[in-house]
Amino acid sequence: MNILNSNRSDRDEIFRLYQAAASYQKTKKTVVVWPEFDRSLVETEI
């Protein structure tokens, strides 16, 4: 296992993981399901 900073080439995978997390939250009937996050937010973090 390695922990590294994400880079811009990781953006699509990051958003796939966010979507997978939101789908999982729906199956668990959690109180809150993640919305689609703004790409510029993630790009700034990167």
All heavy atoms as atom14 arrays in JSON, in Angstrom:
{
  "sequence": "MNILNSNRSDRDEIFRLYQAAASYQKTKKTVVVWPEFDRSLVETEI",
  "atom14_mask": [
    [1, 1, 1, 1, 1, 1, 1, 1, 0, 0, 0, 0, 0, 0],
    [1, 1, 1, 1, 1, 1, 1, 1, 0, 0, 0, 0, 0, 0],
    [1, 1, 1, 1, 1, 1, 1, 1, 0, 0, 0, 0, 0, 0],
    [1, 1, 1, 1, 1, 1, 1, 1, 0, 0, 0, 0, 0, 0],
    [1, 1, 1, 1, 1, 1, 1, 1, 0, 0, 0, 0, 0, 0],
    [1, 1, 1, 1, 1, 1, 0, 0, 0, 0, 0, 0, 0, 0],
    [1, 1, 1, 1, 1, 1, 1, 1, 0, 0, 0, 0, 0, 0],
    [1, 1, 1, 1, 1, 1, 1, 1, 1, 1, 1, 0, 0, 0],
    [1, 1, 1, 1, 1, 1, 0, 0, 0, 0, 0, 0, 0, 0],
    [1, 1, 1, 1, 1, 1, 1, 1, 0, 0, 0, 0, 0, 0],
    [1, 1, 1, 1, 1, 1, 1, 1, 1, 1, 1, 0, 0, 0],
    [1, 1, 1, 1, 1, 1, 1, 1, 0, 0, 0, 0, 0, 0],
    [1, 1, 1, 1, 1, 1, 1, 1, 1, 0, 0, 0, 0, 0],
    [1, 1, 1, 1, 1, 1, 1, 1, 0, 0, 0, 0, 0, 0],
    [1, 1, 1, 1, 1, 1, 1, 1, 1, 1, 1, 0, 0, 0],
    [1, 1, 1, 1, 1, 1, 1, 1, 1, 1, 1, 0, 0, 0],
    [1, 1, 1, 1, 1, 1, 1, 1, 0, 0, 0, 0, 0, 0],
    [1, 1, 1, 1, 1, 1, 1, 1, 1, 1, 1, 1, 0, 0],
    [1, 1, 1, 1, 1, 1, 1, 1, 1, 0, 0, 0, 0, 0],
    [1, 1, 1, 1, 1, 0, 0, 0, 0, 0, 0, 0, 0, 0],
    [1, 1, 1, 1, 1, 0, 0, 0, 0, 0, 0, 0, 0, 0],
    [1, 1, 1, 1, 1, 0, 0, 0, 0, 0, 0, 0, 0, 0],
    [1, 1, 1, 1, 1, 1, 0, 0, 0, 0, 0, 0, 0, 0],
    [1, 1, 1, 1, 1, 1, 1, 1, 1, 1, 1, 1, 0, 0],
    [1, 1, 1, 1, 1, 1, 1, 1, 1, 0, 0, 0, 0, 0],
    [1, 1, 1, 1, 1, 1, 1, 1, 1, 0, 0, 0, 0, 0],
    [1, 1, 1, 1, 1, 1, 1, 0, 0, 0, 0, 0, 0, 0],
    [1, 1, 1, 1, 1, 1, 1, 1, 1, 0, 0, 0, 0, 0],
    [1, 1, 1, 1, 1, 1, 1, 1, 1, 0, 0, 0, 0, 0],
    [1, 1, 1, 1, 1, 1, 1, 0, 0, 0, 0, 0, 0, 0],
    [1, 1, 1, 1, 1, 1, 1, 0, 0, 0, 0, 0, 0, 0],
    [1, 1, 1, 1, 1, 1, 1, 0, 0, 0, 0, 0, 0, 0],
    [1, 1, 1, 1, 1, 1, 1, 0, 0, 0, 0, 0, 0, 0],
    [1, 1, 1, 1, 1, 1, 1, 1, 1, 1, 1, 1, 1, 1],
    [1, 1, 1, 1, 1, 1, 1, 0, 0, 0, 0, 0, 0, 0],
    [1, 1, 1, 1, 1, 1, 1, 1, 1, 0, 0, 0, 0, 0],
    [1, 1, 1, 1, 1, 1, 1, 1, 1, 1, 1, 0, 0, 0],
    [1, 1, 1, 1, 1, 1, 1, 1, 0, 0, 0, 0, 0, 0],
    [1, 1, 1, 1, 1, 1, 1, 1, 1, 1, 1, 0, 0, 0],
    [1, 1, 1, 1, 1, 1, 0, 0, 0, 0, 0, 0, 0, 0],
    [1, 1, 1, 1, 1, 1, 1, 1, 0, 0, 0, 0, 0, 0],
    [1, 1, 1, 1, 1, 1, 1, 0, 0, 0, 0, 0, 0, 0],
    [1, 1, 1, 1, 1, 1, 1, 1, 1, 0, 0, 0, 0, 0],
    [1, 1, 1, 1, 1, 1, 1, 0, 0, 0, 0, 0, 0, 0],
    [1, 1, 1, 1, 1, 1, 1, 1, 1, 0, 0, 0, 0, 0],
    [1, 1, 1, 1, 1, 1, 1, 1, 0, 0, 0, 0, 0, 0]
  ],
  "atom14_positions": [
    [[0.84, -1.19, 0.0], [0.0, 0.0, 0.0], [0.88, 1.24, 0.0], [1.86, 1.29, 0.73], [-0.87, 0.05, 1.25], [-2.18, -0.65, 1.11], [-3.28, -0.37, 2.49], [-2.83, -1.73, 3.53], [0.0, 0.0, 0.0], [0.0, 0.0, 0.0], [0.0, 0.0, 0.0], [0.0, 0.0, 0.0], [0.0, 0.0, 0.0], [0.0, 0.0, 0.0]],
    [[0.49, 2.21, -0.8], [1.16, 3.51, -0.83], [0.11, 4.6, -0.73], [-0.96, 4.48, -1.33], [1.93, 3.71, -2.13], [3.12, 2.81, -2.26], [3.71, 2.41, -1.26], [3.47, 2.47, -3.48], [0.0, 0.0, 0.0], [0.0, 0.0, 0.0], [0.0, 0.0, 0.0], [0.0, 0.0, 0.0], [0.0, 0.0, 0.0], [0.0, 0.0, 0.0]],
    [[0.44, 5.68, -0.03], [-0.43, 6.85, 0.03], [0.33, 7.99, -0.65], [1.46, 8.3, -0.28], [-0.79, 7.22, 1.47], [-1.66, 6.11, 2.07], [-1.5, 8.58, 1.52], [-1.99, 6.29, 3.54], [0.0, 0.0, 0.0], [0.0, 0.0, 0.0], [0.0, 0.0, 0.0], [0.0, 0.0, 0.0], [0.0, 0.0, 0.0], [0.0, 0.0, 0.0]],
    [[-0.31, 8.57, -1.65], [0.29, 9.63, -2.45], [-0.74, 10.73, -2.69], [-1.94, 10.49, -2.6], [0.73, 9.09, -3.82], [1.7, 7.92, -3.85], [1.78, 7.36, -5.27], [3.06, 8.36, -3.36], [0.0, 0.0, 0.0], [0.0, 0.0, 0.0], [0.0, 0.0, 0.0], [0.0, 0.0, 0.0], [0.0, 0.0, 0.0], [0.0, 0.0, 0.0]],
    [[-0.24, 11.9, -3.06], [-1.15, 12.93, -3.53], [-1.75, 12.51, -4.85], [-1.07, 11.92, -5.7], [-0.42, 14.27, -3.74], [-0.17, 15.0, -2.45], [0.98, 15.11, -2.03], [-1.21, 15.48, -1.82], [0.0, 0.0, 0.0], [0.0, 0.0, 0.0], [0.0, 0.0, 0.0], [0.0, 0.0, 0.0], [0.0, 0.0, 0.0], [0.0, 0.0, 0.0]],
    [[-3.03, 12.8, -5.03], [-3.66, 12.57, -6.32], [-3.15, 13.61, -7.31], [-2.66, 14.67, -6.91], [-5.18, 12.7, -6.19], [-5.69, 11.71, -5.32], [0.0, 0.0, 0.0], [0.0, 0.0, 0.0], [0.0, 0.0, 0.0], [0.0, 0.0, 0.0], [0.0, 0.0, 0.0], [0.0, 0.0, 0.0], [0.0, 0.0, 0.0], [0.0, 0.0, 0.0]],
    [[-3.28, 13.29, -8.59], [-2.9, 14.26, -9.62], [-4.06, 14.41, -10.6], [-5.05, 13.67, -10.51], [-1.59, 13.85, -10.31], [-1.65, 12.48, -10.89], [-2.52, 12.2, -11.73], [-0.76, 11.59, -10.47], [0.0, 0.0, 0.0], [0.0, 0.0, 0.0], [0.0, 0.0, 0.0], [0.0, 0.0, 0.0], [0.0, 0.0, 0.0], [0.0, 0.0, 0.0]],
    [[-3.92, 15.32, -11.52], [-5.03, 15.62, -12.43], [-5.45, 14.41, -13.27], [-6.61, 14.29, -13.64], [-4.69, 16.81, -13.32], [-4.74, 18.11, -12.51], [-5.24, 19.22, -13.34], [-5.45, 20.4, -12.5], [-6.33, 21.32, -12.8], [-7.07, 21.2, -13.87], [-6.48, 22.36, -12.02], [0.0, 0.0, 0.0], [0.0, 0.0, 0.0], [0.0, 0.0, 0.0]],
    [[-4.53, 13.52, -13.54], [-4.9, 12.33, -14.32], [-5.77, 11.37, -13.52], [-6.36, 10.45, -14.09], [-3.65, 11.61, -14.84], [-2.91, 11.07, -13.77], [0.0, 0.0, 0.0], [0.0, 0.0, 0.0], [0.0, 0.0, 0.0], [0.0, 0.0, 0.0], [0.0, 0.0, 0.0], [0.0, 0.0, 0.0], [0.0, 0.0, 0.0], [0.0, 0.0, 0.0]],
    [[-5.9, 11.58, -12.21], [-6.74, 10.75, -11.35], [-8.19, 11.23, -11.28], [-9.04, 10.56, -10.69], [-6.19, 10.73, -9.91], [-4.82, 10.12, -9.81], [-4.52, 9.17, -10.55], [-4.02, 10.6, -8.97], [0.0, 0.0, 0.0], [0.0, 0.0, 0.0], [0.0, 0.0, 0.0], [0.0, 0.0, 0.0], [0.0, 0.0, 0.0], [0.0, 0.0, 0.0]],
    [[-8.48, 12.39, -11.85], [-9.81, 13.0, -11.69], [-10.97, 12.08, -12.03], [-11.91, 11.95, -11.26], [-9.94, 14.29, -12.52], [-9.18, 15.46, -11.97], [-9.31, 16.63, -12.88], [-8.7, 16.26, -14.17], [-8.45, 17.09, -15.15], [-8.78, 18.35, -15.04], [-7.88, 16.69, -16.26], [0.0, 0.0, 0.0], [0.0, 0.0, 0.0], [0.0, 0.0, 0.0]],
    [[-10.91, 11.45, -13.19], [-12.04, 10.6, -13.6], [-12.24, 9.45, -12.62], [-13.38, 9.11, -12.27], [-11.84, 10.08, -15.01], [-12.0, 11.17, -16.07], [-12.58, 12.23, -15.76], [-11.53, 10.95, -17.21], [0.0, 0.0, 0.0], [0.0, 0.0, 0.0], [0.0, 0.0, 0.0], [0.0, 0.0, 0.0], [0.0, 0.0, 0.0], [0.0, 0.0, 0.0]],
    [[-11.15, 8.86, -12.15], [-11.27, 7.76, -11.19], [-11.82, 8.26, -9.85], [-12.65, 7.58, -9.23], [-9.93, 7.06, -10.99], [-10.01, 5.86, -10.07], [-10.88, 4.72, -10.59], [-11.3, 4.72, -11.76], [-11.16, 3.81, -9.78], [0.0, 0.0, 0.0], [0.0, 0.0, 0.0], [0.0, 0.0, 0.0], [0.0, 0.0, 0.0], [0.0, 0.0, 0.0]],
    [[-11.41, 9.43, -9.42], [-11.94, 10.01, -8.18], [-13.46, 10.16, -8.29], [-14.21, 9.75, -7.39], [-11.26, 11.37, -7.87], [-9.8, 11.15, -7.49], [-12.02, 12.12, -6.77], [-8.96, 12.42, -7.48], [0.0, 0.0, 0.0], [0.0, 0.0, 0.0], [0.0, 0.0, 0.0], [0.0, 0.0, 0.0], [0.0, 0.0, 0.0], [0.0, 0.0, 0.0]],
    [[-13.93, 10.67, -9.41], [-15.37, 10.85, -9.58], [-16.1, 9.53, -9.73], [-17.24, 9.4, -9.29], [-15.67, 11.83, -10.72], [-15.51, 13.26, -10.26], [-14.31, 13.93, -10.42], [-16.55, 13.9, -9.6], [-14.15, 15.22, -9.96], [-16.4, 15.2, -9.13], [-15.2, 15.86, -9.31], [0.0, 0.0, 0.0], [0.0, 0.0, 0.0], [0.0, 0.0, 0.0]],
    [[-15.45, 8.52, -10.31], [-16.07, 7.19, -10.36], [-16.23, 6.65, -8.93], [-17.26, 6.05, -8.6], [-15.22, 6.23, -11.19], [-15.54, 6.27, -12.67], [-14.91, 5.11, -13.43], [-13.47, 5.2, -13.55], [-12.83, 5.93, -14.47], [-13.52, 6.63, -15.35], [-11.52, 5.95, -14.52], [0.0, 0.0, 0.0], [0.0, 0.0, 0.0], [0.0, 0.0, 0.0]],
    [[-15.23, 6.88, -8.09], [-15.33, 6.41, -6.71], [-16.4, 7.17, -5.94], [-17.11, 6.59, -5.12], [-13.98, 6.5, -6.01], [-12.88, 5.59, -6.57], [-11.61, 5.73, -5.75], [-13.34, 4.15, -6.62], [0.0, 0.0, 0.0], [0.0, 0.0, 0.0], [0.0, 0.0, 0.0], [0.0, 0.0, 0.0], [0.0, 0.0, 0.0], [0.0, 0.0, 0.0]],
    [[-16.52, 8.46, -6.18], [-17.59, 9.24, -5.53], [-18.96, 8.71, -5.95], [-19.87, 8.57, -5.13], [-17.49, 10.72, -5.86], [-16.34, 11.46, -5.22], [-15.97, 12.72, -5.67], [-15.63, 10.92, -4.15], [-14.93, 13.41, -5.08], [-14.58, 11.61, -3.56], [-14.24, 12.86, -4.04], [-13.21, 13.55, -3.45], [0.0, 0.0, 0.0], [0.0, 0.0, 0.0]],
    [[-19.11, 8.42, -7.25], [-20.39, 7.89, -7.74], [-20.67, 6.51, -7.15], [-21.79, 6.21, -6.75], [-20.4, 7.84, -9.27], [-21.7, 7.34, -9.84], [-22.89, 8.19, -9.42], [-22.83, 9.41, -9.5], [-23.95, 7.57, -8.96], [0.0, 0.0, 0.0], [0.0, 0.0, 0.0], [0.0, 0.0, 0.0], [0.0, 0.0, 0.0], [0.0, 0.0, 0.0]],
    [[-19.64, 5.69, -7.06], [-19.81, 4.36, -6.46], [-20.2, 4.49, -4.99], [-21.04, 3.72, -4.49], [-18.53, 3.54, -6.6], [0.0, 0.0, 0.0], [0.0, 0.0, 0.0], [0.0, 0.0, 0.0], [0.0, 0.0, 0.0], [0.0, 0.0, 0.0], [0.0, 0.0, 0.0], [0.0, 0.0, 0.0], [0.0, 0.0, 0.0], [0.0, 0.0, 0.0]],
    [[-19.6, 5.45, -4.29], [-19.94, 5.67, -2.88], [-21.4, 6.12, -2.75], [-22.13, 5.64, -1.87], [-19.0, 6.69, -2.26], [0.0, 0.0, 0.0], [0.0, 0.0, 0.0], [0.0, 0.0, 0.0], [0.0, 0.0, 0.0], [0.0, 0.0, 0.0], [0.0, 0.0, 0.0], [0.0, 0.0, 0.0], [0.0, 0.0, 0.0], [0.0, 0.0, 0.0]],
    [[-21.83, 7.02, -3.62], [-23.23, 7.48, -3.56], [-24.19, 6.33, -3.86], [-25.22, 6.2, -3.2], [-23.43, 8.64, -4.54], [0.0, 0.0, 0.0], [0.0, 0.0, 0.0], [0.0, 0.0, 0.0], [0.0, 0.0, 0.0], [0.0, 0.0, 0.0], [0.0, 0.0, 0.0], [0.0, 0.0, 0.0], [0.0, 0.0, 0.0], [0.0, 0.0, 0.0]],
    [[-23.86, 5.51, -4.81], [-24.7, 4.34, -5.12], [-24.77, 3.4, -3.94], [-25.83, 2.87, -3.61], [-24.16, 3.61, -6.35], [-24.26, 4.42, -7.49], [0.0, 0.0, 0.0], [0.0, 0.0, 0.0], [0.0, 0.0, 0.0], [0.0, 0.0, 0.0], [0.0, 0.0, 0.0], [0.0, 0.0, 0.0], [0.0, 0.0, 0.0], [0.0, 0.0, 0.0]],
    [[-23.64, 3.18, -3.29], [-23.6, 2.33, -2.1], [-24.44, 2.92, -0.97], [-25.18, 2.21, -0.29], [-22.14, 2.15, -1.67], [-21.95, 1.22, -0.5], [-22.11, -0.15, -0.64], [-21.6, 1.71, 0.76], [-21.93, -1.02, 0.43], [-21.42, 0.87, 1.84], [-21.58, -0.5, 1.67], [-21.41, -1.34, 2.73], [0.0, 0.0, 0.0], [0.0, 0.0, 0.0]],
    [[-24.34, 4.24, -0.78], [-25.14, 4.91, 0.25], [-26.63, 4.69, 0.0], [-27.4, 4.47, 0.94], [-24.82, 6.4, 0.28], [-23.43, 6.72, 0.8], [-22.98, 8.13, 0.47], [-23.56, 8.82, -0.36], [-21.9, 8.55, 1.12], [0.0, 0.0, 0.0], [0.0, 0.0, 0.0], [0.0, 0.0, 0.0], [0.0, 0.0, 0.0], [0.0, 0.0, 0.0]],
    [[-27.04, 4.73, -1.26], [-28.45, 4.5, -1.6], [-28.89, 3.09, -1.22], [-29.99, 2.9, -0.72], [-28.68, 4.74, -3.09], [-28.62, 6.19, -3.48], [-28.76, 6.36, -4.98], [-28.51, 7.79, -5.39], [-28.45, 7.95, -6.85], [0.0, 0.0, 0.0], [0.0, 0.0, 0.0], [0.0, 0.0, 0.0], [0.0, 0.0, 0.0], [0.0, 0.0, 0.0]],
    [[-28.02, 2.1, -1.44], [-28.39, 0.72, -1.11], [-28.51, 0.52, 0.39], [-29.25, -0.35, 0.85], [-27.4, -0.32, -1.67], [-26.15, -0.21, -0.98], [-27.21, -0.15, -3.16], [0.0, 0.0, 0.0], [0.0, 0.0, 0.0], [0.0, 0.0, 0.0], [0.0, 0.0, 0.0], [0.0, 0.0, 0.0], [0.0, 0.0, 0.0], [0.0, 0.0, 0.0]],
    [[-27.77, 1.3, 1.16], [-27.79, 1.2, 2.62], [-28.87, 2.07, 3.23], [-29.04, 2.11, 4.44], [-26.43, 1.57, 3.21], [-25.32, 0.6, 2.83], [-25.64, -0.77, 3.38], [-24.55, -1.76, 3.07], [-24.89, -3.09, 3.52], [0.0, 0.0, 0.0], [0.0, 0.0, 0.0], [0.0, 0.0, 0.0], [0.0, 0.0, 0.0], [0.0, 0.0, 0.0]],
    [[-29.58, 2.81, 2.37], [-30.65, 3.71, 2.82], [-30.16, 4.64, 3.92], [-30.82, 4.83, 4.94], [-31.87, 2.92, 3.25], [-32.42, 2.03, 2.14], [-33.77, 1.48, 2.46], [-34.33, 0.55, 1.45], [-33.86, 0.45, 0.13], [0.0, 0.0, 0.0], [0.0, 0.0, 0.0], [0.0, 0.0, 0.0], [0.0, 0.0, 0.0], [0.0, 0.0, 0.0]],
    [[-28.98, 5.23, 3.69], [-28.43, 6.18, 4.66], [-29.24, 7.47, 4.63], [-29.96, 7.74, 3.68], [-26.95, 6.49, 4.37], [-26.84, 7.08, 3.07], [-26.09, 5.25, 4.44], [0.0, 0.0, 0.0], [0.0, 0.0, 0.0], [0.0, 0.0, 0.0], [0.0, 0.0, 0.0], [0.0, 0.0, 0.0], [0.0, 0.0, 0.0], [0.0, 0.0, 0.0]],
    [[-29.09, 8.23, 5.68], [-29.82, 9.49, 5.79], [-29.41, 10.45, 4.68], [-30.23, 11.14, 4.11], [-29.55, 10.13, 7.18], [-30.21, 11.48, 7.31], [-30.02, 9.2, 8.29], [0.0, 0.0, 0.0], [0.0, 0.0, 0.0], [0.0, 0.0, 0.0], [0.0, 0.0, 0.0], [0.0, 0.0, 0.0], [0.0, 0.0, 0.0], [0.0, 0.0, 0.0]],
    [[-28.12, 10.47, 4.38], [-27.59, 11.42, 3.4], [-26.86, 10.65, 2.31], [-26.04, 9.77, 2.59], [-26.63, 12.41, 4.09], [-25.98, 13.33, 3.07], [-27.36, 13.22, 5.15], [0.0, 0.0, 0.0], [0.0, 0.0, 0.0], [0.0, 0.0, 0.0], [0.0, 0.0, 0.0], [0.0, 0.0, 0.0], [0.0, 0.0, 0.0], [0.0, 0.0, 0.0]],
    [[-27.15, 11.0, 1.06], [-26.45, 10.44, -0.09], [-25.64, 11.57, -0.72], [-26.15, 12.68, -0.91], [-27.44, 9.85, -1.12], [-26.71, 9.39, -2.38], [-28.23, 8.71, -0.49], [0.0, 0.0, 0.0], [0.0, 0.0, 0.0], [0.0, 0.0, 0.0], [0.0, 0.0, 0.0], [0.0, 0.0, 0.0], [0.0, 0.0, 0.0], [0.0, 0.0, 0.0]],
    [[-24.39, 11.28, -1.04], [-23.54, 12.31, -1.63], [-24.13, 12.81, -2.95], [-24.57, 12.03, -3.79], [-22.16, 11.75, -1.92], [-21.27, 11.62, -0.74], [-21.5, 12.01, 0.54], [-19.96, 11.06, -0.74], [-20.42, 11.72, 1.34], [-19.46, 11.14, 0.57], [-19.16, 10.5, -1.72], [-18.2, 10.68, 0.92], [-17.9, 10.04, -1.38], [-17.43, 10.14, -0.07]],
    [[-24.05, 14.12, -3.15], [-24.44, 14.69, -4.44], [-23.29, 14.53, -5.43], [-22.22, 14.03, -5.07], [-24.66, 16.17, -4.1], [-23.65, 16.43, -3.02], [-23.62, 15.15, -2.2], [0.0, 0.0, 0.0], [0.0, 0.0, 0.0], [0.0, 0.0, 0.0], [0.0, 0.0, 0.0], [0.0, 0.0, 0.0], [0.0, 0.0, 0.0], [0.0, 0.0, 0.0]],
    [[-23.48, 14.98, -6.63], [-22.37, 15.04, -7.58], [-21.53, 16.26, -7.19], [-22.05, 17.38, -7.11], [-22.89, 15.18, -9.01], [-21.79, 15.07, -10.03], [-22.33, 14.98, -11.45], [-23.4, 14.37, -11.64], [-21.68, 15.54, -12.34], [0.0, 0.0, 0.0], [0.0, 0.0, 0.0], [0.0, 0.0, 0.0], [0.0, 0.0, 0.0], [0.0, 0.0, 0.0]],
    [[-20.27, 16.04, -6.93], [-19.4, 17.13, -6.49], [-18.88, 17.92, -7.68], [-18.71, 17.39, -8.78], [-18.22, 16.58, -5.66], [-18.67, 15.96, -4.36], [-18.64, 14.59, -4.2], [-19.12, 16.75, -3.32], [-19.06, 14.0, -3.01], [-19.54, 16.17, -2.13], [-19.51, 14.8, -1.98], [0.0, 0.0, 0.0], [0.0, 0.0, 0.0], [0.0, 0.0, 0.0]],
    [[-18.61, 19.17, -7.43], [-18.09, 20.09, -8.43], [-16.66, 19.7, -8.8], [-15.81, 19.56, -7.92], [-18.15, 21.52, -7.87], [-17.78, 22.58, -8.87], [-17.08, 22.28, -9.86], [-18.2, 23.73, -8.66], [0.0, 0.0, 0.0], [0.0, 0.0, 0.0], [0.0, 0.0, 0.0], [0.0, 0.0, 0.0], [0.0, 0.0, 0.0], [0.0, 0.0, 0.0]],
    [[-16.4, 19.53, -10.07], [-15.06, 19.14, -10.52], [-14.0, 20.16, -10.12], [-12.87, 19.8, -9.82], [-15.03, 18.89, -12.02], [-15.8, 17.63, -12.41], [-15.7, 17.32, -13.88], [-14.46, 16.67, -14.26], [-14.2, 15.37, -14.13], [-15.1, 14.58, -13.61], [-13.05, 14.87, -14.53], [0.0, 0.0, 0.0], [0.0, 0.0, 0.0], [0.0, 0.0, 0.0]],
    [[-14.38, 21.43, -10.12], [-13.39, 22.46, -9.76], [-12.95, 22.33, -8.3], [-11.81, 22.64, -7.96], [-13.92, 23.86, -10.04], [-15.01, 24.18, -9.2], [0.0, 0.0, 0.0], [0.0, 0.0, 0.0], [0.0, 0.0, 0.0], [0.0, 0.0, 0.0], [0.0, 0.0, 0.0], [0.0, 0.0, 0.0], [0.0, 0.0, 0.0], [0.0, 0.0, 0.0]],
    [[-13.84, 21.84, -7.42], [-13.48, 21.59, -6.03], [-12.35, 20.58, -5.95], [-11.33, 20.79, -5.28], [-14.7, 21.09, -5.25], [-14.45, 20.55, -3.84], [-14.14, 21.69, -2.88], [-15.66, 19.76, -3.37], [0.0, 0.0, 0.0], [0.0, 0.0, 0.0], [0.0, 0.0, 0.0], [0.0, 0.0, 0.0], [0.0, 0.0, 0.0], [0.0, 0.0, 0.0]],
    [[-12.49, 19.48, -6.65], [-11.48, 18.42, -6.65], [-10.2, 18.89, -7.32], [-9.09, 18.62, -6.84], [-12.03, 17.14, -7.29], [-10.95, 16.08, -7.45], [-13.19, 16.6, -6.45], [0.0, 0.0, 0.0], [0.0, 0.0, 0.0], [0.0, 0.0, 0.0], [0.0, 0.0, 0.0], [0.0, 0.0, 0.0], [0.0, 0.0, 0.0], [0.0, 0.0, 0.0]],
    [[-10.32, 19.61, -8.42], [-9.13, 20.13, -9.1], [-8.35, 21.07, -8.19], [-7.11, 21.01, -8.17], [-9.53, 20.81, -10.4], [-9.98, 19.82, -11.45], [-10.59, 20.45, -12.68], [-10.78, 21.68, -12.7], [-10.88, 19.7, -13.63], [0.0, 0.0, 0.0], [0.0, 0.0, 0.0], [0.0, 0.0, 0.0], [0.0, 0.0, 0.0], [0.0, 0.0, 0.0]],
    [[-9.04, 21.91, -7.45], [-8.35, 22.8, -6.5], [-7.64, 21.98, -5.43], [-6.48, 22.26, -5.09], [-9.36, 23.77, -5.85], [-9.91, 24.6, -6.88], [-8.69, 24.65, -4.8], [0.0, 0.0, 0.0], [0.0, 0.0, 0.0], [0.0, 0.0, 0.0], [0.0, 0.0, 0.0], [0.0, 0.0, 0.0], [0.0, 0.0, 0.0], [0.0, 0.0, 0.0]],
    [[-8.3, 20.96, -4.9], [-7.66, 20.1, -3.9], [-6.42, 19.42, -4.47], [-5.39, 19.34, -3.79], [-8.66, 19.05, -3.39], [-9.78, 19.65, -2.58], [-10.94, 18.69, -2.36], [-11.02, 17.63, -3.03], [-11.79, 19.01, -1.5], [0.0, 0.0, 0.0], [0.0, 0.0, 0.0], [0.0, 0.0, 0.0], [0.0, 0.0, 0.0], [0.0, 0.0, 0.0]],
    [[-6.51, 18.96, -5.7], [-5.34, 18.33, -6.34], [-4.22, 19.35, -6.48], [-3.07, 19.08, -6.11], [-5.74, 17.73, -7.71], [-6.62, 16.5, -7.51], [-4.48, 17.38, -8.53], [-7.26, 15.98, -8.79], [0.0, 0.0, 0.0], [0.0, 0.0, 0.0], [0.0, 0.0, 0.0], [0.0, 0.0, 0.0], [0.0, 0.0, 0.0], [0.0, 0.0, 0.0]]
  ]
}
